[in-house]
């Protein structure tokens, strides 16, 4: 309810108009029971057709006006909700896309999806019809007041039923909170399993993991279904009690009214009208009780969104260097994954002048990809600094920094969009001629030409259905689109045939000739042998700089690459 009040308070004028429309609509709703009372007491007693016609016309007009005020109220509620719904959905997705990588990766993918979809749950719960129904709740007092004028005794009976139904609605909301929260959490884990079954389908089949993942699914589904039964069972009890309460109240009103009629304290028309008034008074409370599950889900979704919004997000403000020369420096750099007792590496100090080459070596898990992500700004050091032109990356806007980098990750992923959209993501200003140059430079031209729609061919499954060689070439083309001064390439030859590997090496050499600073991460012996010196991440915890002995002929594959800057301390 706090969310609803916040929305209404943001538009006080519309809030007032909704209250006025609700008041008028509920006053006009009195026309029907009053019509019944008048027809039974006046027309049937005297048989004057003009009286019946007048009463009927007046009641029809009242019903039409009531309909009009309720429609106005619905439109007002929709106008209040619209900006909140947009902001809720957009902000949730913005947190998802703008969260720091380490924070986002710490959450299960299924839970992340549940949190974002929770915005839709909130939007559905606070939809205009539901908001309008809530506005009717306070005005049940109008019907009780009129009922009191007809018979204080019947008014008391109806009030008791109203209080009971309202209490049931509040109790239901309270008892549904825990199972609904657990159901959302379990649903997130089920979502993770579904994602694994889809994105890792070959892994599941190739390694006979069906039994394992099916067993996990059965366990999570059993828990989810048990929680769902609890929630639905309690909601079913509420609905049954509401219907029973309506029936019992009608019996109580008619029975008591009949006694009052016999005693001469009430006429038959008033008794029938009182029963209609009682039903109209109980209706909004029954609706509230039936919506209790939705409100509990919305509350849980809001709580998750609130926690989600606390996830650390990347900076959108900071410095942007006038011109980046390619200088890069590590000062006492160290990194440890969350929960690890020992750092992946520490006390790494190295300075690269513009146009320098740095090769970083290490076995799998030594930290090559982690260091690459640190340079790109996808991760933050646990100690030390990374400087660009002498400025700490922690002070630089990440969006600007990444435009300065030609980045080829080891495991490239893509947007579910066209090839053109993927290439333009980092540099929207490229024209078709530039795109063709990129495709040619990355050895992607034949693939583009053979694709049914060329650059407009859509990618699906984030490119996972493409061969590794094509993915690497496509990633290389995307990386070259920025034309940045710093080149960061993680495992340049992995997954490529001889021709593809040679193409990447030639691309590195061309970039070096153009004065780019190059950082290559590789465990390829050929690349290590060609480098005048390289950083060895296998040396723990402090990486060391290894210098190669050169013969007179010098390195062959990377001979055009500039010599790296001298070590400033490692």
Foldseek 3Di string as FASTA:
>chain_A
DVVVVVLCVVPVVLVVLLLVLLLLLLVLVLLVLVLLLCCVPPCVVPVDVVVNVVSVVVNVVSNVSSVVSLVVQLVSLQVSCVVVLVCLLVLLVCLQVFFQQLLNVVDQPLLSVLLNCLSVLLCVLSHSVNVSLVSNQVVLVVLLVVLVVQPVVLSVLLVVLQVVLLVLLVVLLVVLQVLLLVLSVLSSVLSSLVVCCPLVVVVCVVVVVPVVSVVVNVVSVVSNVVSVCVNVVSLVVSLVVLVVSLVVSLVVLLVVVVVCCVVVNHPPSSSVSSNVSSNSSSVSSSVSSNSSNSVSSSVSSVVSSVVSSPRHGADQDFDADPDFQAKKWWAQFWAQRPPDPFTLATGETFIWDFLAEAEAEEDPPSQLLVVLCCQLPSDDTPDTAMDTVRHGPSRHRSLNSNLQELEQHPDDFADQFFLLCRLCVSPVPDDPVLLCVLCVLLVNNVVQVPAPNRRRRGAPSRNSPPQPQNRRSSSNSSSCSSVHQEYEYEANCPRHDPVNSLSSLVVQLVSSVVRHYYYYYHNPVLVCQQAQWHWYSNPPHHIDIGGHDADPVHRDSNVSRDHTDDTPGD
